[in-house]
Amino acid sequence: MSRPWESWDHVLKVDPDKELYGDETFADVCRTGTDAIEIGGTLDVTTAKMERVMTACSEHDVALYQEPSNPAVVVEDEALDGYLVPVVLNATDPFWITGAHKEWVRIANGVDWDRTTTEAYVVLNPDADVAELTEADCDQSPDDVAAFARAAERMFGQEIVYLEYSGTLGDPEVVAAADDATEEATLFYGGGVGDYDSAYQMGRHADVVVVGDLIHDAGADAVRETVQGARDATAETVSPDSG
């Protein structure tokens, strides 16, 4: 069965704890051309903040997903296309591998399994909030990351492998190694993408480029450049003349 992210090039992640750029609105956010909006953040996220963003974005024609940082902030809303739940493979705190997920299945009214998918995260920036929160071991070689990616796909049946460099642009060699290691899983890349060139660079290896802080720090026009970069990279890698 085909999954929507198999056709995506770009995802925009909106942090409900952060303000939008200047006088921009969520209408501007939804008109960036991104394939999907993912609502989530690491720190100080509440259900009220989540609901505010969901309500505003649901008025526009864009795929809408929640990436909850913990089970306590899960929002039940028919406007959502689904839930993307991180499983941090290189966390040294087991709560972020299975503990949070054990609590997730206990949420009120049960889990909407048809709309819930896990993301196999490998966190690679030791200075990022998510690395500190999950106590991630970020000292991973390209071969290590490739092994994580293959284990996620082949052993654990993960449909999404997510390389997270949050706050800095990652190593293309690492992303390429994960790309080579996966066959069916969709490879997400996030971290430090701030313009056309960086989106293009990572989009040559990752299936989906995820952009986050840029929408808050530089606005919708800057995000549009990254959308174009990711799309151009995909077009080149699938072209019969690409080598």
C-alpha atoms as a PDB file:
ATOM      1  CA  MET A   1       0.000   0.000   0.000  1.00  0.00           C
ATOM      2  CA  SER A   2       1.376   3.385  -1.013  1.00  0.00           C
ATOM      3  CA  ARG A   3       2.054   5.857   1.784  1.00  0.00           C
ATOM      4  CA  PRO A   4       1.700   9.629   1.222  1.00  0.00           C
ATOM      5  CA  TRP A   5       5.315  10.408   2.181  1.00  0.00           C
ATOM      6  CA  GLU A   6       6.557   8.225  -0.654  1.00  0.00           C
ATOM      7  CA  SER A   7       5.672  11.077  -3.016  1.00  0.00           C
ATOM      8  CA  TRP A   8       6.896  13.949  -0.816  1.00  0.00           C
ATOM      9  CA  ASP A   9      10.014  16.029  -1.422  1.00  0.00           C
ATOM     10  CA  HIS A  10       9.629  18.562   1.386  1.00  0.00           C
ATOM     11  CA  VAL A  11       8.085  18.792   4.844  1.00  0.00           C
ATOM     12  CA  LEU A  12       7.703  21.948   6.887  1.00  0.00           C
ATOM     13  CA  LYS A  13       7.892  21.427  10.631  1.00  0.00           C
ATOM     14  CA  VAL A  14       6.107  24.083  12.705  1.00  0.00           C
ATOM     15  CA  ASP A  15       7.017  24.432  16.382  1.00  0.00           C
ATOM     16  CA  PRO A  16       3.854  25.393  18.284  1.00  0.00           C
ATOM     17  CA  ASP A  17       5.978  27.037  20.991  1.00  0.00           C
ATOM     18  CA  LYS A  18       7.502  29.542  18.538  1.00  0.00           C
ATOM     19  CA  GLU A  19       6.046  32.642  16.931  1.00  0.00           C
ATOM     20  CA  LEU A  20       5.828  33.103  13.180  1.00  0.00           C
ATOM     21  CA  TYR A  21       8.155  35.475  11.353  1.00  0.00           C
ATOM     22  CA  GLY A  22       7.197  39.156  11.329  1.00  0.00           C
ATOM     23  CA  ASP A  23       3.513  39.660  10.578  1.00  0.00           C
ATOM     24  CA  GLU A  24       3.101  36.394   8.684  1.00  0.00           C
ATOM     25  CA  THR A  25       0.072  34.197   9.281  1.00  0.00           C
ATOM     26  CA  PHE A  26      -0.560  30.474   9.058  1.00  0.00           C
ATOM     27  CA  ALA A  27      -2.074  31.137   5.639  1.00  0.00           C
ATOM     28  CA  ASP A  28       1.411  32.207   4.525  1.00  0.00           C
ATOM     29  CA  VAL A  29       2.862  29.069   6.107  1.00  0.00           C
ATOM     30  CA  CYS A  30       0.429  26.828   4.230  1.00  0.00           C
ATOM     31  CA  ARG A  31       1.169  28.529   0.912  1.00  0.00           C
ATOM     32  CA  THR A  32       4.901  27.780   0.910  1.00  0.00           C
ATOM     33  CA  GLY A  33       4.417  24.853  -1.465  1.00  0.00           C
ATOM     34  CA  THR A  34       5.542  22.227   1.032  1.00  0.00           C
ATOM     35  CA  ASP A  35       4.096  18.742   0.653  1.00  0.00           C
ATOM     36  CA  ALA A  36       3.099  18.469   4.303  1.00  0.00           C
ATOM     37  CA  ILE A  37       3.160  20.362   7.577  1.00  0.00           C
ATOM     38  CA  GLU A  38       4.333  18.533  10.676  1.00  0.00           C
ATOM     39  CA  ILE A  39       3.414  20.155  13.985  1.00  0.00           C
ATOM     40  CA  GLY A  40       5.807  19.388  16.805  1.00  0.00           C
ATOM     41  CA  GLY A  41       8.607  20.610  19.025  1.00  0.00           C
ATOM     42  CA  THR A  42      10.963  19.355  21.694  1.00  0.00           C
ATOM     43  CA  LEU A  43      10.422  21.751  24.604  1.00  0.00           C
ATOM     44  CA  ASP A  44       7.475  23.585  26.196  1.00  0.00           C
ATOM     45  CA  VAL A  45       4.858  22.053  23.904  1.00  0.00           C
ATOM     46  CA  THR A  46       1.277  21.847  25.219  1.00  0.00           C
ATOM     47  CA  THR A  47      -1.989  20.581  23.772  1.00  0.00           C
ATOM     48  CA  ALA A  48      -3.324  24.142  23.687  1.00  0.00           C
ATOM     49  CA  LYS A  49      -0.366  25.290  21.572  1.00  0.00           C
ATOM     50  CA  MET A  50      -0.758  22.270  19.292  1.00  0.00           C
ATOM     51  CA  GLU A  51      -4.465  22.927  18.840  1.00  0.00           C
ATOM     52  CA  ARG A  52      -3.857  26.575  17.959  1.00  0.00           C
ATOM     53  CA  VAL A  53      -1.601  25.650  15.055  1.00  0.00           C
ATOM     54  CA  MET A  54      -3.811  22.772  13.899  1.00  0.00           C
ATOM     55  CA  THR A  55      -6.933  24.898  13.830  1.00  0.00           C
ATOM     56  CA  ALA A  56      -5.231  27.622  11.808  1.00  0.00           C
ATOM     57  CA  CYS A  57      -3.601  25.234   9.307  1.00  0.00           C
ATOM     58  CA  SER A  58      -6.681  23.036   8.890  1.00  0.00           C
ATOM     59  CA  GLU A  59      -8.379  25.859   6.979  1.00  0.00           C
ATOM     60  CA  HIS A  60      -5.937  25.362   4.101  1.00  0.00           C
ATOM     61  CA  ASP A  61      -5.352  22.585   1.594  1.00  0.00           C
ATOM     62  CA  VAL A  62      -2.129  21.039   2.873  1.00  0.00           C
ATOM     63  CA  ALA A  63      -1.413  17.647   4.454  1.00  0.00           C
ATOM     64  CA  LEU A  64      -1.281  18.061   8.230  1.00  0.00           C
ATOM     65  CA  TYR A  65       0.471  15.759  10.712  1.00  0.00           C
ATOM     66  CA  GLN A  66       1.263  15.907  14.401  1.00  0.00           C
ATOM     67  CA  GLU A  67       4.660  14.817  15.695  1.00  0.00           C
ATOM     68  CA  PRO A  68       4.075  14.690  19.449  1.00  0.00           C
ATOM     69  CA  SER A  69       7.087  15.069  21.722  1.00  0.00           C
ATOM     70  CA  ASN A  70       5.346  12.909  24.336  1.00  0.00           C
ATOM     71  CA  PRO A  71       1.980  11.161  24.740  1.00  0.00           C
ATOM     72  CA  ALA A  72       0.619  13.947  26.958  1.00  0.00           C
ATOM     73  CA  VAL A  73       0.363  16.393  24.048  1.00  0.00           C
ATOM     74  CA  VAL A  74      -1.446  14.146  21.569  1.00  0.00           C
ATOM     75  CA  VAL A  75      -4.416  15.978  20.083  1.00  0.00           C
ATOM     76  CA  GLU A  76      -7.375  14.160  18.603  1.00  0.00           C
ATOM     77  CA  ASP A  77      -8.505  16.119  15.569  1.00  0.00           C
ATOM     78  CA  GLU A  78     -10.151  14.919  12.365  1.00  0.00           C
ATOM     79  CA  ALA A  79      -8.300  17.676  10.504  1.00  0.00           C
ATOM     80  CA  LEU A  80      -5.081  15.735  10.993  1.00  0.00           C
ATOM     81  CA  ASP A  81      -3.960  13.390   8.255  1.00  0.00           C
ATOM     82  CA  GLY A  82      -2.016  11.417  10.813  1.00  0.00           C
ATOM     83  CA  TYR A  83       0.491  11.116  13.636  1.00  0.00           C
ATOM     84  CA  LEU A  84       4.229  10.604  13.115  1.00  0.00           C
ATOM     85  CA  VAL A  85       5.744   9.234  16.312  1.00  0.00           C
ATOM     86  CA  PRO A  86       9.532   9.370  16.823  1.00  0.00           C
ATOM     87  CA  VAL A  87      11.453   6.301  17.957  1.00  0.00           C
ATOM     88  CA  VAL A  88      14.998   7.501  18.706  1.00  0.00           C
ATOM     89  CA  LEU A  89      17.200   4.540  17.851  1.00  0.00           C
ATOM     90  CA  ASN A  90      20.397   6.023  19.281  1.00  0.00           C
ATOM     91  CA  ALA A  91      18.840   7.320  22.505  1.00  0.00           C
ATOM     92  CA  THR A  92      20.575   6.037  25.620  1.00  0.00           C
ATOM     93  CA  ASP A  93      17.441   6.796  27.634  1.00  0.00           C
ATOM     94  CA  PRO A  94      15.132   3.884  26.770  1.00  0.00           C
ATOM     95  CA  PHE A  95      12.065   6.049  27.362  1.00  0.00           C
ATOM     96  CA  TRP A  96      12.542   7.443  23.837  1.00  0.00           C
ATOM     97  CA  ILE A  97      12.866   3.988  22.288  1.00  0.00           C
ATOM     98  CA  THR A  98       9.938   2.164  23.899  1.00  0.00           C
ATOM     99  CA  GLY A  99       8.908   3.900  27.128  1.00  0.00           C
ATOM    100  CA  ALA A 100       6.975   6.793  25.608  1.00  0.00           C
ATOM    101  CA  HIS A 101       5.342   4.392  23.192  1.00  0.00           C
ATOM    102  CA  LYS A 102       4.143   2.137  25.995  1.00  0.00           C
ATOM    103  CA  GLU A 103       2.367   5.180  27.441  1.00  0.00           C
ATOM    104  CA  TRP A 104       1.124   6.220  24.007  1.00  0.00           C
ATOM    105  CA  VAL A 105      -1.029   3.091  23.692  1.00  0.00           C
ATOM    106  CA  ARG A 106      -2.736   4.040  26.961  1.00  0.00           C
ATOM    107  CA  ILE A 107      -4.018   7.423  25.780  1.00  0.00           C
ATOM    108  CA  ALA A 108      -7.701   8.173  26.190  1.00  0.00           C
ATOM    109  CA  ASN A 109      -9.996   6.654  23.563  1.00  0.00           C
ATOM    110  CA  GLY A 110      -7.149   4.475  22.252  1.00  0.00           C
ATOM    111  CA  VAL A 111      -4.689   4.930  19.410  1.00  0.00           C
ATOM    112  CA  ASP A 112      -5.934   5.677  15.917  1.00  0.00           C
ATOM    113  CA  TRP A 113      -3.761   2.970  14.386  1.00  0.00           C
ATOM    114  CA  ASP A 114      -4.829   3.711  10.820  1.00  0.00           C
ATOM    115  CA  ARG A 115      -3.362   7.209  11.116  1.00  0.00           C
ATOM    116  CA  THR A 116      -0.331   6.456  13.308  1.00  0.00           C
ATOM    117  CA  THR A 117       3.157   5.757  11.938  1.00  0.00           C
ATOM    118  CA  THR A 118       6.486   5.625  13.746  1.00  0.00           C
ATOM    119  CA  GLU A 119       9.625   7.395  12.500  1.00  0.00           C
ATOM    120  CA  ALA A 120      12.978   5.722  13.166  1.00  0.00           C
ATOM    121  CA  TYR A 121      15.071   8.697  14.288  1.00  0.00           C
ATOM    122  CA  VAL A 122      18.858   8.853  14.390  1.00  0.00           C
ATOM    123  CA  VAL A 123      19.820  12.068  16.218  1.00  0.00           C
ATOM    124  CA  LEU A 124      23.220  13.372  15.112  1.00  0.00           C
ATOM    125  CA  ASN A 125      23.780  16.859  16.545  1.00  0.00           C
ATOM    126  CA  PRO A 126      24.939  16.566  20.183  1.00  0.00           C
ATOM    127  CA  ASP A 127      24.170  20.244  20.825  1.00  0.00           C
ATOM    128  CA  ALA A 128      20.506  19.965  19.837  1.00  0.00           C
ATOM    129  CA  ASP A 129      17.725  20.026  22.430  1.00  0.00           C
ATOM    130  CA  VAL A 130      16.464  16.678  21.159  1.00  0.00           C
ATOM    131  CA  ALA A 131      19.894  15.105  21.702  1.00  0.00           C
ATOM    132  CA  GLU A 132      20.010  16.345  25.280  1.00  0.00           C
ATOM    133  CA  LEU A 133      16.425  15.320  25.989  1.00  0.00           C
ATOM    134  CA  THR A 134      16.849  11.783  24.663  1.00  0.00           C
ATOM    135  CA  GLU A 135      20.475  11.427  25.820  1.00  0.00           C
ATOM    136  CA  ALA A 136      21.344  10.426  22.272  1.00  0.00           C
ATOM    137  CA  ASP A 137      24.730   8.975  21.402  1.00  0.00           C
ATOM    138  CA  CYS A 138      25.547  11.205  18.435  1.00  0.00           C
ATOM    139  CA  ASP A 139      29.056   9.871  17.839  1.00  0.00           C
ATOM    140  CA  GLN A 140      28.063   7.800  14.815  1.00  0.00           C
ATOM    141  CA  SER A 141      30.094   7.131  11.669  1.00  0.00           C
ATOM    142  CA  PRO A 142      28.501   6.891   8.210  1.00  0.00           C
ATOM    143  CA  ASP A 143      28.684   3.108   8.538  1.00  0.00           C
ATOM    144  CA  ASP A 144      26.973   3.260  11.952  1.00  0.00           C
ATOM    145  CA  VAL A 145      24.151   5.392  10.567  1.00  0.00           C
ATOM    146  CA  ALA A 146      23.775   3.071   7.581  1.00  0.00           C
ATOM    147  CA  ALA A 147      23.491   0.132   9.986  1.00  0.00           C
ATOM    148  CA  PHE A 148      20.837   1.948  12.031  1.00  0.00           C
ATOM    149  CA  ALA A 149      18.913   2.693   8.836  1.00  0.00           C
ATOM    150  CA  ARG A 150      19.064  -0.876   7.603  1.00  0.00           C
ATOM    151  CA  ALA A 151      18.086  -2.285  11.001  1.00  0.00           C
ATOM    152  CA  ALA A 152      15.150   0.138  11.145  1.00  0.00           C
ATOM    153  CA  GLU A 153      13.916  -0.969   7.752  1.00  0.00           C
ATOM    154  CA  ARG A 154      14.719  -4.670   7.777  1.00  0.00           C
ATOM    155  CA  MET A 155      14.476  -5.671  11.440  1.00  0.00           C
ATOM    156  CA  PHE A 156      11.861  -3.269  12.764  1.00  0.00           C
ATOM    157  CA  GLY A 157       9.778  -2.650   9.650  1.00  0.00           C
ATOM    158  CA  GLN A 158      10.014   1.128   9.821  1.00  0.00           C
ATOM    159  CA  GLU A 159       8.541   3.010   6.888  1.00  0.00           C
ATOM    160  CA  ILE A 160      10.391   6.254   7.701  1.00  0.00           C
ATOM    161  CA  VAL A 161      14.053   6.667   8.651  1.00  0.00           C
ATOM    162  CA  TYR A 162      14.751  10.193   9.899  1.00  0.00           C
ATOM    163  CA  LEU A 163      18.261  11.656  10.188  1.00  0.00           C
ATOM    164  CA  GLU A 164      18.020  14.598  12.595  1.00  0.00           C
ATOM    165  CA  TYR A 165      20.793  17.183  12.728  1.00  0.00           C
ATOM    166  CA  SER A 166      18.526  19.815  14.284  1.00  0.00           C
ATOM    167  CA  GLY A 167      20.329  23.168  14.450  1.00  0.00           C
ATOM    168  CA  THR A 168      23.153  22.420  12.014  1.00  0.00           C
ATOM    169  CA  LEU A 169      23.627  21.212   8.451  1.00  0.00           C
ATOM    170  CA  GLY A 170      24.599  17.562   8.418  1.00  0.00           C
ATOM    171  CA  ASP A 171      27.239  15.533   6.655  1.00  0.00           C
ATOM    172  CA  PRO A 172      26.178  14.573   3.101  1.00  0.00           C
ATOM    173  CA  GLU A 173      28.340  11.447   3.342  1.00  0.00           C
ATOM    174  CA  VAL A 174      26.255  10.240   6.289  1.00  0.00           C
ATOM    175  CA  VAL A 175      22.982  10.943   4.476  1.00  0.00           C
ATOM    176  CA  ALA A 176      24.252   9.162   1.362  1.00  0.00           C
ATOM    177  CA  ALA A 177      25.226   6.133   3.466  1.00  0.00           C
ATOM    178  CA  ALA A 178      21.725   5.907   4.920  1.00  0.00           C
ATOM    179  CA  ASP A 179      20.266   6.301   1.441  1.00  0.00           C
ATOM    180  CA  ASP A 180      22.385   3.429   0.141  1.00  0.00           C
ATOM    181  CA  ALA A 181      21.382   1.253   3.099  1.00  0.00           C
ATOM    182  CA  THR A 182      17.624   1.570   2.596  1.00  0.00           C
ATOM    183  CA  GLU A 183      15.491   0.175  -0.198  1.00  0.00           C
ATOM    184  CA  GLU A 184      11.867   0.639   0.796  1.00  0.00           C
ATOM    185  CA  ALA A 185      11.865   3.045   3.750  1.00  0.00           C
ATOM    186  CA  THR A 186      11.484   6.756   3.022  1.00  0.00           C
ATOM    187  CA  LEU A 187      14.568   8.680   4.145  1.00  0.00           C
ATOM    188  CA  PHE A 188      13.856  12.006   5.875  1.00  0.00           C
ATOM    189  CA  TYR A 189      16.620  14.529   6.525  1.00  0.00           C
ATOM    190  CA  GLY A 190      16.260  17.500   8.909  1.00  0.00           C
ATOM    191  CA  GLY A 191      18.698  20.101  10.212  1.00  0.00           C
ATOM    192  CA  GLY A 192      20.271  23.356   9.099  1.00  0.00           C
ATOM    193  CA  VAL A 193      18.467  23.660   5.770  1.00  0.00           C
ATOM    194  CA  GLY A 194      18.164  27.406   5.246  1.00  0.00           C
ATOM    195  CA  ASP A 195      18.258  28.079   1.512  1.00  0.00           C
ATOM    196  CA  TYR A 196      17.972  26.588  -1.962  1.00  0.00           C
ATOM    197  CA  ASP A 197      21.509  25.201  -2.015  1.00  0.00           C
ATOM    198  CA  SER A 198      21.324  23.328   1.301  1.00  0.00           C
ATOM    199  CA  ALA A 199      17.917  21.865   0.406  1.00  0.00           C
ATOM    200  CA  TYR A 200      19.260  20.773  -2.971  1.00  0.00           C
ATOM    201  CA  GLN A 201      22.381  19.274  -1.404  1.00  0.00           C
ATOM    202  CA  MET A 202      20.458  17.130   1.076  1.00  0.00           C
ATOM    203  CA  GLY A 203      17.665  16.379  -1.370  1.00  0.00           C
ATOM    204  CA  ARG A 204      20.150  14.602  -3.639  1.00  0.00           C
ATOM    205  CA  HIS A 205      20.432  11.857  -1.004  1.00  0.00           C
ATOM    206  CA  ALA A 206      17.321  12.084   1.193  1.00  0.00           C
ATOM    207  CA  ASP A 207      13.844  11.381  -0.144  1.00  0.00           C
ATOM    208  CA  VAL A 208      12.323  14.157   1.959  1.00  0.00           C
ATOM    209  CA  VAL A 209      13.936  17.372   3.196  1.00  0.00           C
ATOM    210  CA  VAL A 210      12.482  18.647   6.482  1.00  0.00           C
ATOM    211  CA  VAL A 211      12.707  22.372   7.241  1.00  0.00           C
ATOM    212  CA  GLY A 212      11.821  23.716  10.668  1.00  0.00           C
ATOM    213  CA  ASP A 213      13.262  26.819  12.312  1.00  0.00           C
ATOM    214  CA  LEU A 214      13.471  28.677   8.998  1.00  0.00           C
ATOM    215  CA  ILE A 215       9.741  29.398   8.966  1.00  0.00           C
ATOM    216  CA  HIS A 216      10.074  31.074  12.365  1.00  0.00           C
ATOM    217  CA  ASP A 217      13.401  32.813  11.759  1.00  0.00           C
ATOM    218  CA  ALA A 218      13.193  33.936   8.118  1.00  0.00           C
ATOM    219  CA  GLY A 219       9.643  33.385   6.925  1.00  0.00           C
ATOM    220  CA  ALA A 220       7.653  31.868   4.107  1.00  0.00           C
ATOM    221  CA  ASP A 221       9.698  33.214   1.184  1.00  0.00           C
ATOM    222  CA  ALA A 222      12.840  31.555   2.550  1.00  0.00           C
ATOM    223  CA  VAL A 223      10.966  28.269   2.945  1.00  0.00           C
ATOM    224  CA  ARG A 224       9.768  28.460  -0.664  1.00  0.00           C
ATOM    225  CA  GLU A 225      13.395  28.474  -1.790  1.00  0.00           C
ATOM    226  CA  THR A 226      14.017  25.236   0.101  1.00  0.00           C
ATOM    227  CA  VAL A 227      10.923  23.659  -1.441  1.00  0.00           C
ATOM    228  CA  GLN A 228      12.316  24.428  -4.891  1.00  0.00           C
ATOM    229  CA  GLY A 229      15.753  23.120  -3.954  1.00  0.00           C
ATOM    230  CA  ALA A 230      14.336  19.815  -2.707  1.00  0.00           C
ATOM    231  CA  ARG A 231      12.152  19.414  -5.795  1.00  0.00           C
ATOM    232  CA  ASP A 232      14.982  20.180  -8.194  1.00  0.00           C
ATOM    233  CA  ALA A 233      17.207  17.634  -6.437  1.00  0.00           C
ATOM    234  CA  THR A 234      14.533  14.959  -6.766  1.00  0.00           C
ATOM    235  CA  ALA A 235      13.961  15.799 -10.424  1.00  0.00           C
ATOM    236  CA  GLU A 236      17.675  15.435 -11.123  1.00  0.00           C
ATOM    237  CA  THR A 237      18.133  12.147  -9.257  1.00  0.00           C
ATOM    238  CA  VAL A 238      15.214  10.499 -11.110  1.00  0.00           C
ATOM    239  CA  SER A 239      16.151  11.892 -14.518  1.00  0.00           C
ATOM    240  CA  PRO A 240      17.480   9.313 -17.000  1.00  0.00           C
ATOM    241  CA  ASP A 241      20.269  11.794 -17.830  1.00  0.00           C
ATOM    242  CA  SER A 242      21.427  12.133 -14.220  1.00  0.00           C
ATOM    243  CA  GLY A 243      24.191   9.594 -14.684  1.00  0.00           C
END
